[in-house]
Amino acid sequence: MVRRAAALGIGALLLILIVLGFRGCLNSRTDNALKDYNRNVGAIVGDSNDQVSARLFELLAGGQNTTVTDLEQNVNQVRVTADEDLKRARALDVPGDMKDAHYSLLEVLTFRADGVKQIAEDLPSIEGDQAEDAANRIAGQMSAFLASDVIYATRVAPFLTETLVDQDIAGQTTPASQFLPDTQWLDPAFVRKQLTGKGAGKTSGDPAPGTHGHGLLGVAVGTTNLVADTTNRVAGGSNPTFNVKFANQGENDEFDVTVKVSVTNPAGDPIDVKKSVDQTATGAAEIVVPVGLGDAPPEGPVRVTVEIVPVPGEVNTDNNKATYTIIFSG
């Protein structure tokens, strides 16, 4: 009986040791899985910081020193890296306790990958008639980058830290991440300045105090000065150029001023041509902007409207445009 009791005691002790050992192994596996996940997130986020964000904004800040084509190609290379970061995150082995952190991490990396892709697609339009719209769209992607930083700081990093603390795992560093380096990139005018060197000085927000606006002084095609309320006969050629003369008549410098020439012909499609002027200085008495029609002029009498598009804060627009009747000769 004594031997049996001793054997039972030894068996019970071994069972307890086995259970404790098994539980210790499980805890060790759980701890290692959490540590591995935290380390893998750190590697991906570090790549997003150093290889995507740093490289992207280095390229954008130097955009005015390269061609748009080269800039687009280089940004597309960054896009590939951003896509790879997202793929790596999706392929991670995620411990159950890290599900919330992982969901938010994927959201962060998706914002970044999609943003870089959209910027690359908008870069070809950053010069020319669509420059303002392109700058607005690119600045919009900067807002997406800012959102990714907020999500990371308020959800991903806290979830990582809380899970490690709850599991009594010490000695771990929660990786930090800030993708958008400066909130100035949220301003479309700042974006355009960095990419093209144009549009300096324009800021978002309400117009500056004082009067704003321009006055149209006259329009010429070749040596012919156009006159309203009469029929103008001019030599058009294959691509007539309208030399638009106007003045900044306000108390402020103006930026990204648009000069517009519209040709309406009852027998054909209308033609609209725009030319952007980076800056007009207050008191500038005469500014001449050549606007090419870009096509052969229509036959027969046509109506041509020339307009200096009103700028923010401009109240008096009565002298911004004029309409002429023209017959183009060969």
Protein backbone atom coordinates (compact mmCIF):
# COMPACT_ATOMS: atom_id res chain seq x y z
CA MET A 1 0.00 0.00 0.00
CA VAL A 2 2.85 2.31 0.85
CA ARG A 3 4.51 1.56 -2.47
CA ARG A 4 1.26 2.14 -4.33
CA ALA A 5 0.68 5.43 -2.56
CA ALA A 6 4.23 6.51 -3.36
CA ALA A 7 3.77 5.54 -7.01
CA LEU A 8 0.54 7.48 -7.24
CA GLY A 9 2.20 10.50 -5.66
CA ILE A 10 5.08 10.32 -8.07
CA GLY A 11 2.65 9.93 -11.00
CA ALA A 12 0.63 12.94 -9.87
CA LEU A 13 3.80 14.99 -9.51
CA LEU A 14 4.94 14.00 -13.00
CA LEU A 15 1.53 14.90 -14.41
CA ILE A 16 1.68 18.31 -12.76
CA LEU A 17 5.18 18.83 -14.12
CA ILE A 18 4.06 17.80 -17.59
CA VAL A 19 1.08 20.17 -17.48
CA LEU A 20 3.23 23.02 -16.23
CA GLY A 21 5.83 22.29 -18.85
CA PHE A 22 3.24 22.16 -21.62
CA ARG A 23 1.71 25.41 -20.42
CA GLY A 24 5.17 26.97 -20.28
CA CYS A 25 5.81 25.87 -23.84
CA LEU A 26 2.53 27.38 -24.97
CA ASN A 27 3.31 30.63 -23.18
CA SER A 28 6.77 30.67 -24.69
CA ARG A 29 5.37 30.08 -28.18
CA THR A 30 2.81 32.85 -27.68
CA ASP A 31 5.47 35.25 -26.44
CA ASN A 32 7.76 34.42 -29.34
CA ALA A 33 4.92 34.86 -31.84
CA LEU A 34 4.12 38.30 -30.42
CA LYS A 35 7.77 39.30 -30.44
CA ASP A 36 8.18 38.09 -34.02
CA TYR A 37 5.11 40.01 -35.13
CA ASN A 38 6.27 43.20 -33.44
CA ARG A 39 9.72 42.80 -35.02
CA ASN A 40 8.24 42.17 -38.50
CA VAL A 41 5.99 45.23 -38.22
CA GLY A 42 9.03 47.27 -37.25
CA ALA A 43 10.87 46.12 -40.36
CA ILE A 44 7.95 46.92 -42.68
CA VAL A 45 7.27 50.30 -41.08
CA GLY A 46 10.96 51.15 -41.17
CA ASP A 47 10.97 50.43 -44.89
CA SER A 48 7.85 52.57 -45.34
CA ASN A 49 9.61 55.42 -43.54
CA ASP A 50 13.03 55.16 -45.15
CA GLN A 51 12.49 53.67 -48.59
CA VAL A 52 9.06 55.05 -49.47
CA SER A 53 8.42 58.31 -47.60
CA ALA A 54 11.99 59.64 -47.56
CA ARG A 55 12.57 58.77 -51.20
CA LEU A 56 9.18 60.04 -52.38
CA PHE A 57 9.52 63.47 -50.80
CA GLU A 58 13.13 63.75 -51.89
CA LEU A 59 11.94 63.29 -55.48
CA LEU A 60 8.97 65.64 -55.15
CA ALA A 61 10.99 68.40 -53.49
CA GLY A 62 13.47 68.29 -56.38
CA GLY A 63 10.81 67.97 -59.07
CA GLN A 64 11.58 71.36 -60.58
CA ASN A 65 15.13 70.18 -61.32
CA THR A 66 14.12 67.25 -63.50
CA THR A 67 11.70 66.44 -66.28
CA VAL A 68 8.15 65.38 -65.50
CA THR A 69 8.76 62.10 -67.35
CA ASP A 70 11.80 61.24 -65.23
CA LEU A 71 9.99 62.26 -62.06
CA GLU A 72 7.03 60.05 -62.93
CA GLN A 73 9.31 57.07 -63.60
CA ASN A 74 11.15 57.53 -60.30
CA VAL A 75 7.94 57.89 -58.31
CA ASN A 76 6.63 54.71 -59.95
CA GLN A 77 9.70 52.91 -58.60
CA VAL A 78 8.76 54.14 -55.13
CA ARG A 79 5.23 52.89 -55.76
CA VAL A 80 6.59 49.38 -56.32
CA THR A 81 8.29 49.50 -52.92
CA ALA A 82 5.08 50.75 -51.24
CA ASP A 83 3.13 47.89 -52.85
CA GLU A 84 5.71 45.38 -51.61
CA ASP A 85 5.39 46.71 -48.05
CA LEU A 86 1.64 46.13 -48.21
CA LYS A 87 2.12 42.60 -49.59
CA ARG A 88 4.61 41.76 -46.83
CA ALA A 89 2.16 42.93 -44.20
CA ARG A 90 -0.67 40.88 -45.68
CA ALA A 91 1.53 37.77 -45.59
CA LEU A 92 2.46 38.09 -41.90
CA ASP A 93 1.57 35.36 -39.41
CA VAL A 94 -0.67 37.36 -37.07
CA PRO A 95 -1.17 36.23 -33.45
CA GLY A 96 -4.77 36.42 -32.29
CA ASP A 97 -4.02 39.19 -29.81
CA MET A 98 -2.62 41.34 -32.62
CA LYS A 99 -5.65 41.17 -34.95
CA ASP A 100 -6.77 44.75 -34.20
CA ALA A 101 -3.27 46.14 -34.67
CA HIS A 102 -2.89 44.25 -37.93
CA TYR A 103 -6.18 45.48 -39.39
CA SER A 104 -5.15 49.07 -38.75
CA LEU A 105 -1.65 48.42 -40.09
CA LEU A 106 -3.08 47.23 -43.41
CA GLU A 107 -5.23 50.36 -43.54
CA VAL A 108 -2.14 52.54 -43.02
CA LEU A 109 -0.09 50.82 -45.71
CA THR A 110 -3.02 50.87 -48.16
CA PHE A 111 -3.37 54.64 -47.76
CA ARG A 112 0.33 55.00 -48.51
CA ALA A 113 0.51 52.64 -51.47
CA ASP A 114 -2.61 54.07 -53.11
CA GLY A 115 -1.39 57.62 -52.50
CA VAL A 116 1.97 57.07 -54.17
CA LYS A 117 0.24 55.41 -57.12
CA GLN A 118 -2.19 58.32 -57.57
CA ILE A 119 0.61 60.90 -57.36
CA ALA A 120 2.53 59.10 -60.11
CA GLU A 121 -0.59 59.13 -62.30
CA ASP A 122 -1.16 62.87 -61.73
CA LEU A 123 2.41 64.02 -62.36
CA PRO A 124 2.10 64.22 -66.19
CA SER A 125 -0.60 66.89 -65.73
CA ILE A 126 1.36 69.10 -63.33
CA GLU A 127 2.44 71.36 -66.18
CA GLY A 128 0.05 72.93 -68.66
CA ASP A 129 -3.65 73.70 -68.57
CA GLN A 130 -4.43 70.99 -66.01
CA ALA A 131 -1.69 72.02 -63.56
CA GLU A 132 -4.00 73.46 -60.93
CA ASP A 133 -6.27 70.40 -60.89
CA ALA A 134 -3.25 68.08 -60.73
CA ALA A 135 -1.76 70.03 -57.81
CA ASN A 136 -5.09 69.82 -55.99
CA ARG A 137 -5.27 66.06 -56.48
CA ILE A 138 -1.68 65.52 -55.36
CA ALA A 139 -2.30 67.65 -52.26
CA GLY A 140 -5.34 65.46 -51.63
CA GLN A 141 -3.09 62.41 -51.48
CA MET A 142 -0.98 64.24 -48.89
CA SER A 143 -4.14 64.27 -46.75
CA ALA A 144 -4.29 60.50 -47.14
CA PHE A 145 -0.67 60.26 -45.95
CA LEU A 146 -1.56 62.41 -42.94
CA ALA A 147 -4.50 60.11 -42.21
CA SER A 148 -2.15 57.12 -42.30
CA ASP A 149 0.08 58.80 -39.71
CA VAL A 150 -2.91 59.49 -37.44
CA ILE A 151 -4.17 55.89 -37.70
CA TYR A 152 -0.73 54.52 -36.97
CA ALA A 153 -0.21 56.79 -33.95
CA THR A 154 -3.67 56.29 -32.46
CA ARG A 155 -4.36 52.64 -33.27
CA VAL A 156 -1.45 50.54 -34.54
CA ALA A 157 1.23 51.65 -32.06
CA PRO A 158 -1.11 51.62 -29.00
CA PHE A 159 -2.48 48.17 -29.89
CA LEU A 160 1.05 46.79 -30.23
CA THR A 161 2.16 48.26 -26.92
CA GLU A 162 -0.95 47.22 -24.99
CA THR A 163 -0.74 43.64 -26.21
CA LEU A 164 2.91 43.30 -25.25
CA VAL A 165 2.24 44.80 -21.81
CA ASP A 166 -0.78 42.55 -21.22
CA GLN A 167 1.39 39.51 -21.93
CA ASP A 168 4.16 40.79 -19.61
CA ILE A 169 6.61 40.91 -22.50
CA ALA A 170 9.39 43.36 -21.71
CA GLY A 171 12.32 44.67 -23.72
CA GLN A 172 10.31 45.33 -26.89
CA THR A 173 10.30 48.61 -28.82
CA THR A 174 7.14 49.72 -30.59
CA PRO A 175 8.19 51.12 -33.99
CA ALA A 176 7.30 54.73 -34.78
CA SER A 177 6.15 55.99 -38.17
CA GLN A 178 5.55 59.42 -39.72
CA PHE A 179 5.06 59.36 -43.47
CA LEU A 180 4.12 63.02 -44.19
CA PRO A 181 7.22 65.10 -43.33
CA ASP A 182 5.57 68.55 -43.37
CA THR A 183 1.98 69.80 -43.45
CA GLN A 184 2.95 72.36 -46.09
CA TRP A 185 2.46 69.54 -48.60
CA LEU A 186 -1.28 69.82 -47.94
CA ASP A 187 -1.26 73.17 -49.80
CA PRO A 188 -1.69 72.73 -53.59
CA ALA A 189 0.33 75.90 -54.27
CA PHE A 190 3.23 74.53 -52.23
CA VAL A 191 3.00 71.23 -54.12
CA ARG A 192 3.12 72.98 -57.48
CA LYS A 193 6.04 75.15 -56.38
CA GLN A 194 8.07 72.12 -55.33
CA LEU A 195 7.30 70.18 -58.49
CA THR A 196 7.65 72.93 -61.10
CA GLY A 197 9.07 76.04 -59.46
CA LYS A 198 5.88 77.87 -60.39
CA GLY A 199 3.16 79.40 -58.31
CA ALA A 200 5.46 80.69 -55.55
CA GLY A 201 3.84 82.90 -53.00
CA LYS A 202 0.29 81.66 -53.42
CA THR A 203 -1.20 80.39 -50.20
CA SER A 204 -4.45 78.75 -49.31
CA GLY A 205 -7.10 80.52 -47.29
CA ASP A 206 -8.84 83.88 -47.65
CA PRO A 207 -7.47 86.50 -50.07
CA ALA A 208 -5.14 89.13 -48.61
CA PRO A 209 -6.66 92.47 -47.56
CA GLY A 210 -7.01 95.13 -50.24
CA THR A 211 -8.34 95.10 -53.78
CA HIS A 212 -7.66 92.30 -56.24
CA GLY A 213 -8.02 91.94 -59.97
CA HIS A 214 -6.98 92.68 -63.52
CA GLY A 215 -8.16 94.78 -66.42
CA LEU A 216 -8.03 93.75 -70.08
CA LEU A 217 -6.26 96.45 -72.12
CA GLY A 218 -6.38 95.00 -75.62
CA VAL A 219 -5.86 92.02 -77.90
CA ALA A 220 -3.84 91.73 -81.10
CA VAL A 221 -3.37 89.01 -83.70
CA GLY A 222 -0.13 89.65 -85.48
CA THR A 223 -0.06 93.36 -86.28
CA THR A 224 -3.85 93.71 -86.12
CA ASN A 225 -5.32 95.20 -82.97
CA LEU A 226 -8.79 93.77 -82.47
CA VAL A 227 -11.73 96.13 -82.09
CA ALA A 228 -15.01 95.19 -80.43
CA ASP A 229 -18.39 95.91 -82.11
CA THR A 230 -16.94 95.56 -85.61
CA THR A 231 -15.74 92.81 -87.93
CA ASN A 232 -11.97 92.30 -87.75
CA ARG A 233 -10.20 90.78 -90.75
CA VAL A 234 -6.90 89.25 -89.77
CA ALA A 235 -4.33 86.89 -91.24
CA GLY A 236 -4.79 83.77 -89.19
CA GLY A 237 -2.37 81.25 -90.65
CA SER A 238 -2.39 77.66 -89.42
CA ASN A 239 -2.12 78.61 -85.74
CA PRO A 240 -3.03 82.23 -84.94
CA THR A 241 -1.66 83.71 -81.74
CA PHE A 242 -3.65 86.16 -79.62
CA ASN A 243 -1.40 88.62 -77.80
CA VAL A 244 -3.47 89.49 -74.75
CA LYS A 245 -2.54 92.74 -73.01
CA PHE A 246 -3.77 93.37 -69.46
CA ALA A 247 -2.77 95.02 -66.17
CA ASN A 248 -2.83 94.13 -62.50
CA GLN A 249 -5.10 96.88 -61.22
CA GLY A 250 -5.39 95.69 -57.62
CA GLU A 251 -3.37 96.23 -54.47
CA ASN A 252 -1.98 92.69 -54.33
CA ASP A 253 0.27 90.44 -56.34
CA GLU A 254 -1.74 87.64 -57.93
CA PHE A 255 -0.68 84.06 -58.63
CA ASP A 256 -1.66 81.40 -61.15
CA VAL A 257 -3.60 83.88 -63.28
CA THR A 258 -5.48 82.28 -66.19
CA VAL A 259 -5.88 83.91 -69.59
CA LYS A 260 -8.64 82.28 -71.66
CA VAL A 261 -9.43 82.53 -75.37
CA SER A 262 -12.71 81.00 -76.58
CA VAL A 263 -13.73 80.71 -80.24
CA THR A 264 -17.37 79.97 -81.05
CA ASN A 265 -18.33 79.01 -84.58
CA PRO A 266 -21.92 78.04 -85.46
CA ALA A 267 -20.61 75.63 -88.08
CA GLY A 268 -18.17 73.76 -85.86
CA ASP A 269 -17.06 72.82 -82.38
CA PRO A 270 -15.96 75.60 -80.01
CA ILE A 271 -12.28 76.06 -79.22
CA ASP A 272 -11.14 76.94 -75.70
CA VAL A 273 -7.48 77.68 -74.96
CA LYS A 274 -6.01 78.68 -71.60
CA LYS A 275 -2.63 80.09 -70.64
CA SER A 276 -1.44 80.31 -67.04
CA VAL A 277 0.67 83.17 -65.71
CA ASP A 278 2.63 82.31 -62.56
CA GLN A 279 2.48 85.79 -61.03
CA THR A 280 1.39 89.34 -61.81
CA ALA A 281 2.77 92.14 -59.66
CA THR A 282 0.59 94.86 -58.25
CA GLY A 283 0.94 98.03 -60.30
CA ALA A 284 2.13 96.15 -63.39
CA ALA A 285 0.77 98.50 -66.05
CA GLU A 286 1.11 96.20 -69.05
CA ILE A 287 1.40 92.44 -69.22
CA VAL A 288 1.35 90.71 -72.60
CA VAL A 289 0.58 87.00 -72.80
CA PRO A 290 0.65 85.17 -76.15
CA VAL A 291 -2.07 82.53 -76.44
CA GLY A 292 -1.82 80.24 -79.45
CA LEU A 293 -5.07 78.83 -80.81
CA GLY A 294 -3.40 75.48 -81.35
CA ASP A 295 -5.37 74.78 -84.52
CA ALA A 296 -6.34 76.30 -87.84
CA PRO A 297 -9.04 78.95 -87.35
CA PRO A 298 -12.58 78.23 -88.55
CA GLU A 299 -13.82 79.68 -91.82
CA GLY A 300 -16.33 82.52 -91.89
CA PRO A 301 -17.10 85.00 -89.16
CA VAL A 302 -16.44 83.69 -85.65
CA ARG A 303 -16.84 85.20 -82.22
CA VAL A 304 -13.76 85.24 -80.03
CA THR A 305 -14.02 85.97 -76.32
CA VAL A 306 -10.83 86.84 -74.45
CA GLU A 307 -10.97 86.79 -70.66
CA ILE A 308 -8.66 87.28 -67.71
CA VAL A 309 -10.27 84.80 -65.34
CA PRO A 310 -11.20 86.53 -62.05
CA VAL A 311 -8.85 85.86 -59.14
CA PRO A 312 -9.92 85.24 -55.51
CA GLY A 313 -11.12 88.47 -53.95
CA GLU A 314 -11.77 90.23 -57.26
CA VAL A 315 -15.01 92.25 -57.09
CA ASN A 316 -15.09 94.30 -60.30
CA THR A 317 -15.01 91.93 -63.27
CA ASP A 318 -16.61 94.26 -65.83
CA ASN A 319 -13.27 94.91 -67.54
CA ASN A 320 -11.96 91.35 -67.47
CA LYS A 321 -13.11 90.25 -70.91
CA ALA A 322 -14.07 91.36 -74.39
CA THR A 323 -15.69 89.71 -77.42
CA TYR A 324 -14.63 90.25 -81.03
CA THR A 325 -16.01 89.22 -84.40
CA ILE A 326 -13.20 87.97 -86.66
CA ILE A 327 -12.86 86.71 -90.20
CA PHE A 328 -9.56 84.87 -90.58
CA SER A 329 -7.81 84.93 -93.94
CA GLY A 330 -5.16 82.49 -95.03
